[in-house]
C-alpha atoms as a PDB file:
ATOM      1  CA  UNK A   1       0.000   0.000   0.000  1.00  0.00           C
ATOM      2  CA  UNK A   2       1.301   3.436  -0.898  1.00  0.00           C
ATOM      3  CA  UNK A   3       1.867   5.820   2.009  1.00  0.00           C
ATOM      4  CA  UNK A   4      -0.991   8.248   2.454  1.00  0.00           C
ATOM      5  CA  UNK A   5      -3.473   6.024   0.639  1.00  0.00           C
ATOM      6  CA  UNK A   6      -6.537   4.800   2.488  1.00  0.00           C
ATOM      7  CA  UNK A   7      -8.413   1.650   1.402  1.00  0.00           C
ATOM      8  CA  UNK A   8     -11.644   2.847   3.005  1.00  0.00           C
ATOM      9  CA  UNK A   9     -14.404   3.731   0.566  1.00  0.00           C
ATOM     10  CA  UNK A  10     -16.606   5.839   2.853  1.00  0.00           C
ATOM     11  CA  UNK A  11     -15.937   9.160   4.534  1.00  0.00           C
ATOM     12  CA  UNK A  12     -15.171   8.662   8.239  1.00  0.00           C
ATOM     13  CA  UNK A  13     -15.594  11.100  11.070  1.00  0.00           C
ATOM     14  CA  UNK A  14     -14.130  11.025  14.563  1.00  0.00           C
ATOM     15  CA  UNK A  15     -16.732  10.187  17.212  1.00  0.00           C
ATOM     16  CA  UNK A  16     -16.943   9.296  20.873  1.00  0.00           C
ATOM     17  CA  UNK A  17     -19.903   6.910  21.066  1.00  0.00           C
ATOM     18  CA  UNK A  18     -20.470   3.689  22.968  1.00  0.00           C
ATOM     19  CA  UNK A  19     -21.688   0.677  21.017  1.00  0.00           C
ATOM     20  CA  UNK A  20     -23.176  -2.418  22.610  1.00  0.00           C
ATOM     21  CA  UNK A  21     -21.614  -5.507  21.040  1.00  0.00           C
ATOM     22  CA  UNK A  22     -22.893  -9.060  21.494  1.00  0.00           C
ATOM     23  CA  UNK A  23     -20.780 -11.990  20.314  1.00  0.00           C
ATOM     24  CA  UNK A  24     -22.435 -15.302  21.075  1.00  0.00           C
ATOM     25  CA  UNK A  25     -23.358 -15.160  24.756  1.00  0.00           C
ATOM     26  CA  UNK A  26     -20.832 -12.399  25.532  1.00  0.00           C
ATOM     27  CA  UNK A  27     -21.792  -8.717  25.972  1.00  0.00           C
ATOM     28  CA  UNK A  28     -19.307  -5.863  25.525  1.00  0.00           C
ATOM     29  CA  UNK A  29     -19.534  -2.088  25.610  1.00  0.00           C
ATOM     30  CA  UNK A  30     -17.064  -0.725  23.062  1.00  0.00           C
ATOM     31  CA  UNK A  31     -15.997   2.885  22.464  1.00  0.00           C
ATOM     32  CA  UNK A  32     -16.104   3.831  18.788  1.00  0.00           C
ATOM     33  CA  UNK A  33     -13.477   6.391  17.786  1.00  0.00           C
ATOM     34  CA  UNK A  34     -14.609   6.842  14.193  1.00  0.00           C
ATOM     35  CA  UNK A  35     -17.727   6.124  12.161  1.00  0.00           C
ATOM     36  CA  UNK A  36     -18.763   5.797   8.521  1.00  0.00           C
ATOM     37  CA  UNK A  37     -21.870   4.492   6.780  1.00  0.00           C
ATOM     38  CA  UNK A  38     -19.942   1.259   6.305  1.00  0.00           C
ATOM     39  CA  UNK A  39     -18.743   0.667   9.849  1.00  0.00           C
ATOM     40  CA  UNK A  40     -16.883   1.843  12.913  1.00  0.00           C
ATOM     41  CA  UNK A  41     -13.514   1.500  14.604  1.00  0.00           C
ATOM     42  CA  UNK A  42     -13.249   0.522  18.253  1.00  0.00           C
ATOM     43  CA  UNK A  43     -10.192   1.896  19.995  1.00  0.00           C
ATOM     44  CA  UNK A  44      -8.490   0.660  23.158  1.00  0.00           C
ATOM     45  CA  UNK A  45      -9.913  -2.860  23.055  1.00  0.00           C
ATOM     46  CA  UNK A  46      -8.647  -6.387  22.643  1.00  0.00           C
ATOM     47  CA  UNK A  47      -9.749  -7.294  19.115  1.00  0.00           C
ATOM     48  CA  UNK A  48     -11.996 -10.219  18.247  1.00  0.00           C
ATOM     49  CA  UNK A  49     -10.846 -12.659  15.549  1.00  0.00           C
ATOM     50  CA  UNK A  50     -11.285 -11.481  11.955  1.00  0.00           C
ATOM     51  CA  UNK A  51     -14.608 -12.570  10.494  1.00  0.00           C
ATOM     52  CA  UNK A  52     -16.378 -12.645  13.877  1.00  0.00           C
ATOM     53  CA  UNK A  53     -20.054 -11.754  13.507  1.00  0.00           C
ATOM     54  CA  UNK A  54     -21.485  -9.465  16.184  1.00  0.00           C
ATOM     55  CA  UNK A  55     -24.813  -7.832  17.010  1.00  0.00           C
ATOM     56  CA  UNK A  56     -24.542  -4.052  17.400  1.00  0.00           C
ATOM     57  CA  UNK A  57     -26.737  -1.465  19.124  1.00  0.00           C
ATOM     58  CA  UNK A  58     -25.967   2.249  19.407  1.00  0.00           C
ATOM     59  CA  UNK A  59     -27.327   5.781  19.214  1.00  0.00           C
ATOM     60  CA  UNK A  60     -25.885   8.650  17.249  1.00  0.00           C
ATOM     61  CA  UNK A  61     -24.897  11.837  19.108  1.00  0.00           C
ATOM     62  CA  UNK A  62     -27.933  13.910  20.155  1.00  0.00           C
ATOM     63  CA  UNK A  63     -30.412  11.210  19.022  1.00  0.00           C
ATOM     64  CA  UNK A  64     -32.505   8.860  21.123  1.00  0.00           C
ATOM     65  CA  UNK A  65     -33.435   6.339  18.400  1.00  0.00           C
ATOM     66  CA  UNK A  66     -31.132   3.307  18.554  1.00  0.00           C
ATOM     67  CA  UNK A  67     -29.552   1.652  15.547  1.00  0.00           C
ATOM     68  CA  UNK A  68     -29.550  -2.156  15.547  1.00  0.00           C
ATOM     69  CA  UNK A  69     -27.566  -4.138  12.997  1.00  0.00           C
ATOM     70  CA  UNK A  70     -25.126  -6.992  12.504  1.00  0.00           C
ATOM     71  CA  UNK A  71     -21.447  -6.402  12.007  1.00  0.00           C
ATOM     72  CA  UNK A  72     -18.377  -8.317  10.944  1.00  0.00           C
ATOM     73  CA  UNK A  73     -14.874  -7.740  12.301  1.00  0.00           C
ATOM     74  CA  UNK A  74     -12.748  -6.749   9.293  1.00  0.00           C
ATOM     75  CA  UNK A  75      -9.594  -5.352  10.913  1.00  0.00           C
ATOM     76  CA  UNK A  76      -7.847  -6.279  14.133  1.00  0.00           C
ATOM     77  CA  UNK A  77      -4.609  -4.674  15.250  1.00  0.00           C
ATOM     78  CA  UNK A  78      -2.876  -3.835  18.498  1.00  0.00           C
ATOM     79  CA  UNK A  79      -5.631  -2.511  20.758  1.00  0.00           C
ATOM     80  CA  UNK A  80      -8.347  -1.807  18.216  1.00  0.00           C
ATOM     81  CA  UNK A  81     -10.678  -3.383  15.690  1.00  0.00           C
ATOM     82  CA  UNK A  82     -12.792  -2.332  12.751  1.00  0.00           C
ATOM     83  CA  UNK A  83     -16.331  -3.563  12.267  1.00  0.00           C
ATOM     84  CA  UNK A  84     -18.226  -3.463   8.984  1.00  0.00           C
ATOM     85  CA  UNK A  85     -22.008  -3.006   9.159  1.00  0.00           C
ATOM     86  CA  UNK A  86     -23.608  -6.022   7.460  1.00  0.00           C
ATOM     87  CA  UNK A  87     -27.328  -5.253   7.319  1.00  0.00           C
ATOM     88  CA  UNK A  88     -27.728  -1.561   8.124  1.00  0.00           C
ATOM     89  CA  UNK A  89     -31.285  -0.326   7.607  1.00  0.00           C
ATOM     90  CA  UNK A  90     -31.468   2.268   4.766  1.00  0.00           C
ATOM     91  CA  UNK A  91     -33.076   4.821   7.119  1.00  0.00           C
ATOM     92  CA  UNK A  92     -30.262   4.361   9.647  1.00  0.00           C
ATOM     93  CA  UNK A  93     -27.687   4.640   6.857  1.00  0.00           C
ATOM     94  CA  UNK A  94     -29.235   7.987   5.903  1.00  0.00           C
ATOM     95  CA  UNK A  95     -29.036   9.164   9.522  1.00  0.00           C
ATOM     96  CA  UNK A  96     -25.318   8.323   9.611  1.00  0.00           C
ATOM     97  CA  UNK A  97     -24.781  10.091   6.266  1.00  0.00           C
ATOM     98  CA  UNK A  98     -26.466  13.233   7.632  1.00  0.00           C
ATOM     99  CA  UNK A  99     -24.241  13.147  10.732  1.00  0.00           C
ATOM    100  CA  UNK A 100     -21.129  12.800   8.561  1.00  0.00           C
ATOM    101  CA  UNK A 101     -22.244  15.643   6.271  1.00  0.00           C
ATOM    102  CA  UNK A 102     -22.840  17.888   9.294  1.00  0.00           C
ATOM    103  CA  UNK A 103     -19.272  17.252  10.513  1.00  0.00           C
ATOM    104  CA  UNK A 104     -17.516  18.155   7.243  1.00  0.00           C
END
């Protein structure tokens, strides 16, 4: 990979939101440090194995309505992991897009 190039396709914004993550019978509360319409990155956590499927639940800043979707762990390094949203509802995707647009 060339320095300065980013493989991500979607615009990401820095965030400080907590996301509930369920993997099998295990429950975790993860802090997302950035967000896009395609997924999120959890900082300061021990990563799950690549390909792990997880249930996600979270709210966007200044909104009460929760987003529920499935995710797949797509990156795992040091003390962080990236999750890709698998079945994000189109209305929730639009809400995330609006948040990203408001932050640019």
